[in-house]
Amino acid sequence: MILLEAAIAIYLTINAAAFLAYYSDKRSARRSAWRTPEKTLLVMALLGPFGALFAMRLFRHKTQKGKFRLVPLFLCLHIVLAVAFVLTLT
């Protein structure tokens, strides 16, 4: 059970990092400062789609870019994997 708790903590941390990456990039865009590469943001979204999608909606950031329309699909993938994992536990 400790392993599961650690995995959940790591997952939450990754999602928080994705949220912060999108926030930071939006802030940089407003200031015309150095931006986070899109590839980095997409990898963060693949690993932490909850945080990335929440930040995209909250800050209205990268919502019109074609590549970033994959983020909801990443979220669906994570949900399917989580359901499959839970079903294997029972």
PDB file of N, CA and C in Angstrom:
ATOM      1  N   MET A   1       0.816  -1.188   0.000  1.00  0.00           N
ATOM      2  CA  MET A   1       0.000   0.000   0.000  1.00  0.00           C
ATOM      3  C   MET A   1       0.867   1.262   0.000  1.00  0.00           C
ATOM      4  N   ILE A   2       2.033   1.186   0.608  1.00  0.00           N
ATOM      5  CA  ILE A   2       2.935   2.337   0.635  1.00  0.00           C
ATOM      6  C   ILE A   2       3.382   2.682  -0.783  1.00  0.00           C
ATOM      7  N   LEU A   3       3.597   1.655  -1.604  1.00  0.00           N
ATOM      8  CA  LEU A   3       4.004   1.882  -2.990  1.00  0.00           C
ATOM      9  C   LEU A   3       2.913   2.633  -3.758  1.00  0.00           C
ATOM     10  N   LEU A   4       1.663   2.272  -3.532  1.00  0.00           N
ATOM     11  CA  LEU A   4       0.548   2.956  -4.187  1.00  0.00           C
ATOM     12  C   LEU A   4       0.471   4.416  -3.744  1.00  0.00           C
ATOM     13  N   GLU A   5       0.641   4.658  -2.458  1.00  0.00           N
ATOM     14  CA  GLU A   5       0.615   6.032  -1.946  1.00  0.00           C
ATOM     15  C   GLU A   5       1.757   6.859  -2.534  1.00  0.00           C
ATOM     16  N   ALA A   6       2.915   6.249  -2.661  1.00  0.00           N
ATOM     17  CA  ALA A   6       4.059   6.950  -3.254  1.00  0.00           C
ATOM     18  C   ALA A   6       3.794   7.259  -4.727  1.00  0.00           C
ATOM     19  N   ALA A   7       3.203   6.309  -5.442  1.00  0.00           N
ATOM     20  CA  ALA A   7       2.888   6.523  -6.857  1.00  0.00           C
ATOM     21  C   ALA A   7       1.875   7.656  -7.024  1.00  0.00           C
ATOM     22  N   ILE A   8       0.887   7.701  -6.153  1.00  0.00           N
ATOM     23  CA  ILE A   8      -0.112   8.774  -6.210  1.00  0.00           C
ATOM     24  C   ILE A   8       0.540  10.122  -5.915  1.00  0.00           C
ATOM     25  N   ALA A   9       1.422  10.162  -4.926  1.00  0.00           N
ATOM     26  CA  ALA A   9       2.117  11.411  -4.586  1.00  0.00           C
ATOM     27  C   ALA A   9       2.971  11.893  -5.756  1.00  0.00           C
ATOM     28  N   ILE A  10       3.661  10.979  -6.405  1.00  0.00           N
ATOM     29  CA  ILE A  10       4.488  11.337  -7.561  1.00  0.00           C
ATOM     30  C   ILE A  10       3.610  11.848  -8.699  1.00  0.00           C
ATOM     31  N   TYR A  11       2.486  11.182  -8.924  1.00  0.00           N
ATOM     32  CA  TYR A  11       1.569  11.584  -9.994  1.00  0.00           C
ATOM     33  C   TYR A  11       1.009  12.985  -9.740  1.00  0.00           C
ATOM     34  N   LEU A  12       0.644  13.250  -8.505  1.00  0.00           N
ATOM     35  CA  LEU A  12       0.140  14.585  -8.158  1.00  0.00           C
ATOM     36  C   LEU A  12       1.222  15.649  -8.340  1.00  0.00           C
ATOM     37  N   THR A  13       2.452  15.300  -7.995  1.00  0.00           N
ATOM     38  CA  THR A  13       3.572  16.229  -8.166  1.00  0.00           C
ATOM     39  C   THR A  13       3.817  16.529  -9.643  1.00  0.00           C
ATOM     40  N   ILE A  14       3.739  15.508 -10.476  1.00  0.00           N
ATOM     41  CA  ILE A  14       3.927  15.700 -11.918  1.00  0.00           C
ATOM     42  C   ILE A  14       2.834  16.606 -12.484  1.00  0.00           C
ATOM     43  N   ASN A  15       1.603  16.396 -12.043  1.00  0.00           N
ATOM     44  CA  ASN A  15       0.506  17.243 -12.513  1.00  0.00           C
ATOM     45  C   ASN A  15       0.668  18.684 -12.036  1.00  0.00           C
ATOM     46  N   ALA A  16       1.136  18.849 -10.815  1.00  0.00           N
ATOM     47  CA  ALA A  16       1.397  20.202 -10.308  1.00  0.00           C
ATOM     48  C   ALA A  16       2.511  20.866 -11.112  1.00  0.00           C
ATOM     49  N   ALA A  17       3.532  20.097 -11.462  1.00  0.00           N
ATOM     50  CA  ALA A  17       4.629  20.639 -12.271  1.00  0.00           C
ATOM     51  C   ALA A  17       4.133  21.041 -13.660  1.00  0.00           C
ATOM     52  N   ALA A  18       3.250  20.248 -14.241  1.00  0.00           N
ATOM     53  CA  ALA A  18       2.679  20.591 -15.549  1.00  0.00           C
ATOM     54  C   ALA A  18       1.874  21.883 -15.453  1.00  0.00           C
ATOM     55  N   PHE A  19       1.085  22.004 -14.398  1.00  0.00           N
ATOM     56  CA  PHE A  19       0.299  23.222 -14.181  1.00  0.00           C
ATOM     57  C   PHE A  19       1.223  24.431 -14.094  1.00  0.00           C
ATOM     58  N   LEU A  20       2.274  24.304 -13.304  1.00  0.00           N
ATOM     59  CA  LEU A  20       3.212  25.416 -13.133  1.00  0.00           C
ATOM     60  C   LEU A  20       3.960  25.744 -14.424  1.00  0.00           C
ATOM     61  N   ALA A  21       4.264  24.734 -15.227  1.00  0.00           N
ATOM     62  CA  ALA A  21       4.949  24.977 -16.501  1.00  0.00           C
ATOM     63  C   ALA A  21       4.064  25.790 -17.441  1.00  0.00           C
ATOM     64  N   TYR A  22       2.788  25.450 -17.501  1.00  0.00           N
ATOM     65  CA  TYR A  22       1.864  26.206 -18.354  1.00  0.00           C
ATOM     66  C   TYR A  22       1.656  27.621 -17.816  1.00  0.00           C
ATOM     67  N   TYR A  23       1.564  27.743 -16.501  1.00  0.00           N
ATOM     68  CA  TYR A  23       1.430  29.073 -15.890  1.00  0.00           C
ATOM     69  C   TYR A  23       2.655  29.930 -16.201  1.00  0.00           C
ATOM     70  N   SER A  24       3.822  29.346 -16.036  1.00  0.00           N
ATOM     71  CA  SER A  24       5.067  30.071 -16.284  1.00  0.00           C
ATOM     72  C   SER A  24       5.167  30.511 -17.745  1.00  0.00           C
ATOM     73  N   ASP A  25       4.773  29.635 -18.663  1.00  0.00           N
ATOM     74  CA  ASP A  25       4.840  29.988 -20.078  1.00  0.00           C
ATOM     75  C   ASP A  25       3.853  31.101 -20.417  1.00  0.00           C
ATOM     76  N   LYS A  26       2.668  31.059 -19.837  1.00  0.00           N
ATOM     77  CA  LYS A  26       1.692  32.126 -20.069  1.00  0.00           C
ATOM     78  C   LYS A  26       2.222  33.458 -19.540  1.00  0.00           C
ATOM     79  N   ARG A  27       2.810  33.405 -18.373  1.00  0.00           N
ATOM     80  CA  ARG A  27       3.383  34.618 -17.776  1.00  0.00           C
ATOM     81  C   ARG A  27       4.517  35.170 -18.641  1.00  0.00           C
ATOM     82  N   SER A  28       5.352  34.274 -19.143  1.00  0.00           N
ATOM     83  CA  SER A  28       6.446  34.697 -20.028  1.00  0.00           C
ATOM     84  C   SER A  28       5.909  35.290 -21.328  1.00  0.00           C
ATOM     85  N   ALA A  29       4.823  34.732 -21.829  1.00  0.00           N
ATOM     86  CA  ALA A  29       4.231  35.245 -23.071  1.00  0.00           C
ATOM     87  C   ALA A  29       3.737  36.675 -22.877  1.00  0.00           C
ATOM     88  N   ARG A  30       3.147  36.939 -21.744  1.00  0.00           N
ATOM     89  CA  ARG A  30       2.654  38.293 -21.467  1.00  0.00           C
ATOM     90  C   ARG A  30       3.792  39.293 -21.334  1.00  0.00           C
ATOM     91  N   ARG A  31       4.931  38.827 -20.850  1.00  0.00           N
ATOM     92  CA  ARG A  31       6.083  39.707 -20.632  1.00  0.00           C
ATOM     93  C   ARG A  31       7.042  39.729 -21.817  1.00  0.00           C
ATOM     94  N   SER A  32       6.730  38.986 -22.852  1.00  0.00           N
ATOM     95  CA  SER A  32       7.623  38.841 -24.014  1.00  0.00           C
ATOM     96  C   SER A  32       8.997  38.343 -23.588  1.00  0.00           C
ATOM     97  N   ALA A  33       9.008  37.425 -22.653  1.00  0.00           N
ATOM     98  CA  ALA A  33      10.255  36.854 -22.136  1.00  0.00           C
ATOM     99  C   ALA A  33      10.500  35.485 -22.771  1.00  0.00           C
ATOM    100  N   TRP A  34      11.573  34.834 -22.330  1.00  0.00           N
ATOM    101  CA  TRP A  34      11.900  33.495 -22.816  1.00  0.00           C
ATOM    102  C   TRP A  34      10.732  32.563 -22.565  1.00  0.00           C
ATOM    103  N   ARG A  35      10.379  31.753 -23.566  1.00  0.00           N
ATOM    104  CA  ARG A  35       9.231  30.861 -23.483  1.00  0.00           C
ATOM    105  C   ARG A  35       9.674  29.415 -23.323  1.00  0.00           C
ATOM    106  N   THR A  36       8.826  28.628 -22.711  1.00  0.00           N
ATOM    107  CA  THR A  36       9.043  27.189 -22.606  1.00  0.00           C
ATOM    108  C   THR A  36       8.766  26.577 -23.977  1.00  0.00           C
ATOM    109  N   PRO A  37       9.657  25.723 -24.483  1.00  0.00           N
ATOM    110  CA  PRO A  37       9.416  25.107 -25.796  1.00  0.00           C
ATOM    111  C   PRO A  37       8.111  24.295 -25.803  1.00  0.00           C
ATOM    112  N   GLU A  38       7.418  24.322 -26.942  1.00  0.00           N
ATOM    113  CA  GLU A  38       6.154  23.598 -27.051  1.00  0.00           C
ATOM    114  C   GLU A  38       6.340  22.108 -26.801  1.00  0.00           C
ATOM    115  N   LYS A  39       7.458  21.568 -27.253  1.00  0.00           N
ATOM    116  CA  LYS A  39       7.718  20.146 -27.049  1.00  0.00           C
ATOM    117  C   LYS A  39       7.745  19.817 -25.556  1.00  0.00           C
ATOM    118  N   THR A  40       8.353  20.684 -24.770  1.00  0.00           N
ATOM    119  CA  THR A  40       8.409  20.486 -23.317  1.00  0.00           C
ATOM    120  C   THR A  40       7.012  20.524 -22.714  1.00  0.00           C
ATOM    121  N   LEU A  41       6.207  21.483 -23.145  1.00  0.00           N
ATOM    122  CA  LEU A  41       4.842  21.577 -22.626  1.00  0.00           C
ATOM    123  C   LEU A  41       4.023  20.343 -22.998  1.00  0.00           C
ATOM    124  N   LEU A  42       4.225  19.829 -24.203  1.00  0.00           N
ATOM    125  CA  LEU A  42       3.485  18.635 -24.616  1.00  0.00           C
ATOM    126  C   LEU A  42       3.913  17.401 -23.829  1.00  0.00           C
ATOM    127  N   VAL A  43       5.195  17.275 -23.558  1.00  0.00           N
ATOM    128  CA  VAL A  43       5.662  16.150 -22.737  1.00  0.00           C
ATOM    129  C   VAL A  43       5.098  16.263 -21.324  1.00  0.00           C
ATOM    130  N   MET A  44       5.091  17.474 -20.796  1.00  0.00           N
ATOM    131  CA  MET A  44       4.492  17.685 -19.469  1.00  0.00           C
ATOM    132  C   MET A  44       3.011  17.311 -19.488  1.00  0.00           C
ATOM    133  N   ALA A  45       2.324  17.640 -20.572  1.00  0.00           N
ATOM    134  CA  ALA A  45       0.905  17.301 -20.693  1.00  0.00           C
ATOM    135  C   ALA A  45       0.701  15.798 -20.804  1.00  0.00           C
ATOM    136  N   LEU A  46       1.610  15.120 -21.480  1.00  0.00           N
ATOM    137  CA  LEU A  46       1.509  13.665 -21.593  1.00  0.00           C
ATOM    138  C   LEU A  46       1.682  13.004 -20.235  1.00  0.00           C
ATOM    139  N   LEU A  47       2.588  13.530 -19.433  1.00  0.00           N
ATOM    140  CA  LEU A  47       2.852  12.951 -18.116  1.00  0.00           C
ATOM    141  C   LEU A  47       1.867  13.424 -17.050  1.00  0.00           C
ATOM    142  N   GLY A  48       1.396  14.655 -17.179  1.00  0.00           N
ATOM    143  CA  GLY A  48       0.489  15.226 -16.178  1.00  0.00           C
ATOM    144  C   GLY A  48      -0.674  15.951 -16.829  1.00  0.00           C
ATOM    145  N   PRO A  49      -1.579  15.211 -17.467  1.00  0.00           N
ATOM    146  CA  PRO A  49      -2.632  15.879 -18.241  1.00  0.00           C
ATOM    147  C   PRO A  49      -3.655  16.639 -17.407  1.00  0.00           C
ATOM    148  N   PHE A  50      -3.892  16.226 -16.172  1.00  0.00           N
ATOM    149  CA  PHE A  50      -4.860  16.946 -15.341  1.00  0.00           C
ATOM    150  C   PHE A  50      -4.379  18.375 -15.090  1.00  0.00           C
ATOM    151  N   GLY A  51      -3.136  18.505 -14.669  1.00  0.00           N
ATOM    152  CA  GLY A  51      -2.575  19.826 -14.399  1.00  0.00           C
ATOM    153  C   GLY A  51      -2.456  20.670 -15.651  1.00  0.00           C
ATOM    154  N   ALA A  52      -2.041  20.040 -16.750  1.00  0.00           N
ATOM    155  CA  ALA A  52      -1.873  20.778 -18.002  1.00  0.00           C
ATOM    156  C   ALA A  52      -3.211  21.292 -18.528  1.00  0.00           C
ATOM    157  N   LEU A  53      -4.216  20.428 -18.546  1.00  0.00           N
ATOM    158  CA  LEU A  53      -5.518  20.841 -19.074  1.00  0.00           C
ATOM    159  C   LEU A  53      -6.169  21.892 -18.179  1.00  0.00           C
ATOM    160  N   PHE A  54      -6.028  21.725 -16.881  1.00  0.00           N
ATOM    161  CA  PHE A  54      -6.587  22.714 -15.960  1.00  0.00           C
ATOM    162  C   PHE A  54      -5.941  24.078 -16.188  1.00  0.00           C
ATOM    163  N   ALA A  55      -4.619  24.091 -16.348  1.00  0.00           N
ATOM    164  CA  ALA A  55      -3.908  25.354 -16.595  1.00  0.00           C
ATOM    165  C   ALA A  55      -4.290  25.944 -17.948  1.00  0.00           C
ATOM    166  N   MET A  56      -4.419  25.096 -18.960  1.00  0.00           N
ATOM    167  CA  MET A  56      -4.805  25.587 -20.278  1.00  0.00           C
ATOM    168  C   MET A  56      -6.154  26.294 -20.217  1.00  0.00           C
ATOM    169  N   ARG A  57      -7.090  25.703 -19.509  1.00  0.00           N
ATOM    170  CA  ARG A  57      -8.432  26.298 -19.415  1.00  0.00           C
ATOM    171  C   ARG A  57      -8.430  27.532 -18.514  1.00  0.00           C
ATOM    172  N   LEU A  58      -7.746  27.441 -17.399  1.00  0.00           N
ATOM    173  CA  LEU A  58      -7.742  28.540 -16.438  1.00  0.00           C
ATOM    174  C   LEU A  58      -7.072  29.791 -17.005  1.00  0.00           C
ATOM    175  N   PHE A  59      -5.937  29.600 -17.664  1.00  0.00           N
ATOM    176  CA  PHE A  59      -5.167  30.731 -18.174  1.00  0.00           C
ATOM    177  C   PHE A  59      -5.432  31.020 -19.653  1.00  0.00           C
ATOM    178  N   ARG A  60      -6.290  30.228 -20.267  1.00  0.00           N
ATOM    179  CA  ARG A  60      -6.575  30.349 -21.705  1.00  0.00           C
ATOM    180  C   ARG A  60      -5.274  30.380 -22.492  1.00  0.00           C
ATOM    181  N   HIS A  61      -4.484  29.357 -22.262  1.00  0.00           N
ATOM    182  CA  HIS A  61      -3.148  29.294 -22.853  1.00  0.00           C
ATOM    183  C   HIS A  61      -3.023  28.064 -23.740  1.00  0.00           C
ATOM    184  N   LYS A  62      -2.605  28.271 -24.966  1.00  0.00           N
ATOM    185  CA  LYS A  62      -2.366  27.218 -25.952  1.00  0.00           C
ATOM    186  C   LYS A  62      -3.648  26.475 -26.331  1.00  0.00           C
ATOM    187  N   THR A  63      -4.793  27.085 -26.155  1.00  0.00           N
ATOM    188  CA  THR A  63      -6.051  26.393 -26.443  1.00  0.00           C
ATOM    189  C   THR A  63      -6.378  26.372 -27.936  1.00  0.00           C
ATOM    190  N   GLN A  64      -5.793  27.253 -28.712  1.00  0.00           N
ATOM    191  CA  GLN A  64      -6.080  27.306 -30.147  1.00  0.00           C
ATOM    192  C   GLN A  64      -5.025  26.601 -31.000  1.00  0.00           C
ATOM    193  N   LYS A  65      -3.923  26.228 -30.393  1.00  0.00           N
ATOM    194  CA  LYS A  65      -2.852  25.560 -31.132  1.00  0.00           C
ATOM    195  C   LYS A  65      -3.254  24.119 -31.421  1.00  0.00           C
ATOM    196  N   GLY A  66      -3.082  23.698 -32.656  1.00  0.00           N
ATOM    197  CA  GLY A  66      -3.489  22.359 -33.072  1.00  0.00           C
ATOM    198  C   GLY A  66      -2.860  21.232 -32.271  1.00  0.00           C
ATOM    199  N   LYS A  67      -1.565  21.339 -32.027  1.00  0.00           N
ATOM    200  CA  LYS A  67      -0.862  20.282 -31.287  1.00  0.00           C
ATOM    201  C   LYS A  67      -1.435  20.088 -29.891  1.00  0.00           C
ATOM    202  N   PHE A  68      -1.880  21.171 -29.300  1.00  0.00           N
ATOM    203  CA  PHE A  68      -2.324  21.120 -27.914  1.00  0.00           C
ATOM    204  C   PHE A  68      -3.754  20.601 -27.774  1.00  0.00           C
ATOM    205  N   ARG A  69      -4.371  20.307 -28.889  1.00  0.00           N
ATOM    206  CA  ARG A  69      -5.680  19.644 -28.823  1.00  0.00           C
ATOM    207  C   ARG A  69      -5.522  18.174 -28.461  1.00  0.00           C
ATOM    208  N   LEU A  70      -4.285  17.716 -28.374  1.00  0.00           N
ATOM    209  CA  LEU A  70      -4.001  16.356 -27.919  1.00  0.00           C
ATOM    210  C   LEU A  70      -4.131  16.220 -26.405  1.00  0.00           C
ATOM    211  N   VAL A  71      -4.055  17.310 -25.689  1.00  0.00           N
ATOM    212  CA  VAL A  71      -4.046  17.250 -24.223  1.00  0.00           C
ATOM    213  C   VAL A  71      -5.289  16.552 -23.668  1.00  0.00           C
ATOM    214  N   PRO A  72      -6.503  16.845 -24.143  1.00  0.00           N
ATOM    215  CA  PRO A  72      -7.654  16.083 -23.639  1.00  0.00           C
ATOM    216  C   PRO A  72      -7.560  14.585 -23.950  1.00  0.00           C
ATOM    217  N   LEU A  73      -6.930  14.242 -25.069  1.00  0.00           N
ATOM    218  CA  LEU A  73      -6.735  12.825 -25.384  1.00  0.00           C
ATOM    219  C   LEU A  73      -5.755  12.182 -24.408  1.00  0.00           C
ATOM    220  N   PHE A  74      -4.726  12.927 -24.024  1.00  0.00           N
ATOM    221  CA  PHE A  74      -3.799  12.424 -23.009  1.00  0.00           C
ATOM    222  C   PHE A  74      -4.545  12.153 -21.706  1.00  0.00           C
ATOM    223  N   LEU A  75      -5.463  13.057 -21.367  1.00  0.00           N
ATOM    224  CA  LEU A  75      -6.256  12.890 -20.151  1.00  0.00           C
ATOM    225  C   LEU A  75      -7.116  11.636 -20.251  1.00  0.00           C
ATOM    226  N   CYS A  76      -7.752  11.425 -21.392  1.00  0.00           N
ATOM    227  CA  CYS A  76      -8.562  10.213 -21.588  1.00  0.00           C
ATOM    228  C   CYS A  76      -7.704   8.960 -21.453  1.00  0.00           C
ATOM    229  N   LEU A  77      -6.514   9.005 -22.010  1.00  0.00           N
ATOM    230  CA  LEU A  77      -5.595   7.871 -21.904  1.00  0.00           C
ATOM    231  C   LEU A  77      -5.273   7.573 -20.447  1.00  0.00           C
ATOM    232  N   HIS A  78      -5.011   8.596 -19.670  1.00  0.00           N
ATOM    233  CA  HIS A  78      -4.702   8.407 -18.253  1.00  0.00           C
ATOM    234  C   HIS A  78      -5.897   7.832 -17.501  1.00  0.00           C
ATOM    235  N   ILE A  79      -7.090   8.286 -17.830  1.00  0.00           N
ATOM    236  CA  ILE A  79      -8.288   7.766 -17.164  1.00  0.00           C
ATOM    237  C   ILE A  79      -8.484   6.296 -17.502  1.00  0.00           C
ATOM    238  N   VAL A  80      -8.317   5.935 -18.771  1.00  0.00           N
ATOM    239  CA  VAL A  80      -8.451   4.529 -19.177  1.00  0.00           C
ATOM    240  C   VAL A  80      -7.410   3.671 -18.465  1.00  0.00           C
ATOM    241  N   LEU A  81      -6.178   4.152 -18.399  1.00  0.00           N
ATOM    242  CA  LEU A  81      -5.126   3.394 -17.712  1.00  0.00           C
ATOM    243  C   LEU A  81      -5.414   3.262 -16.221  1.00  0.00           C
ATOM    244  N   ALA A  82      -5.946   4.311 -15.607  1.00  0.00           N
ATOM    245  CA  ALA A  82      -6.282   4.253 -14.179  1.00  0.00           C
ATOM    246  C   ALA A  82      -7.402   3.256 -13.928  1.00  0.00           C
ATOM    247  N   VAL A  83      -8.413   3.260 -14.777  1.00  0.00           N
ATOM    248  CA  VAL A  83      -9.521   2.305 -14.627  1.00  0.00           C
ATOM    249  C   VAL A  83      -9.007   0.886 -14.816  1.00  0.00           C
ATOM    250  N   ALA A  84      -8.170   0.674 -15.815  1.00  0.00           N
ATOM    251  CA  ALA A  84      -7.601  -0.657 -16.043  1.00  0.00           C
ATOM    252  C   ALA A  84      -6.776  -1.105 -14.844  1.00  0.00           C
ATOM    253  N   PHE A  85      -6.022  -0.188 -14.271  1.00  0.00           N
ATOM    254  CA  PHE A  85      -5.217  -0.517 -13.093  1.00  0.00           C
ATOM    255  C   PHE A  85      -6.100  -0.905 -11.916  1.00  0.00           C
ATOM    256  N   VAL A  86      -7.146  -0.137 -11.679  1.00  0.00           N
ATOM    257  CA  VAL A  86      -8.056  -0.432 -10.564  1.00  0.00           C
ATOM    258  C   VAL A  86      -8.739  -1.778 -10.783  1.00  0.00           C
ATOM    259  N   LEU A  87      -9.116  -2.072 -12.014  1.00  0.00           N
ATOM    260  CA  LEU A  87      -9.769  -3.349 -12.301  1.00  0.00           C
ATOM    261  C   LEU A  87      -8.834  -4.533 -12.081  1.00  0.00           C
ATOM    262  N   THR A  88      -7.540  -4.336 -12.293  1.00  0.00           N
ATOM    263  CA  THR A  88      -6.599  -5.430 -12.047  1.00  0.00           C
ATOM    264  C   THR A  88      -6.389  -5.664 -10.553  1.00  0.00           C
ATOM    265  N   LEU A  89      -6.666  -4.644  -9.742  1.00  0.00           N
ATOM    266  CA  LEU A  89      -6.519  -4.797  -8.291  1.00  0.00           C
ATOM    267  C   LEU A  89      -7.659  -5.602  -7.685  1.00  0.00           C
ATOM    268  N   THR A  90      -8.801  -5.613  -8.351  1.00  0.00           N
ATOM    269  CA  THR A  90      -9.967  -6.302  -7.775  1.00  0.00           C
ATOM    270  C   THR A  90     -10.096  -7.710  -8.252  1.00  0.00           C
TER     271      THR A  90
END
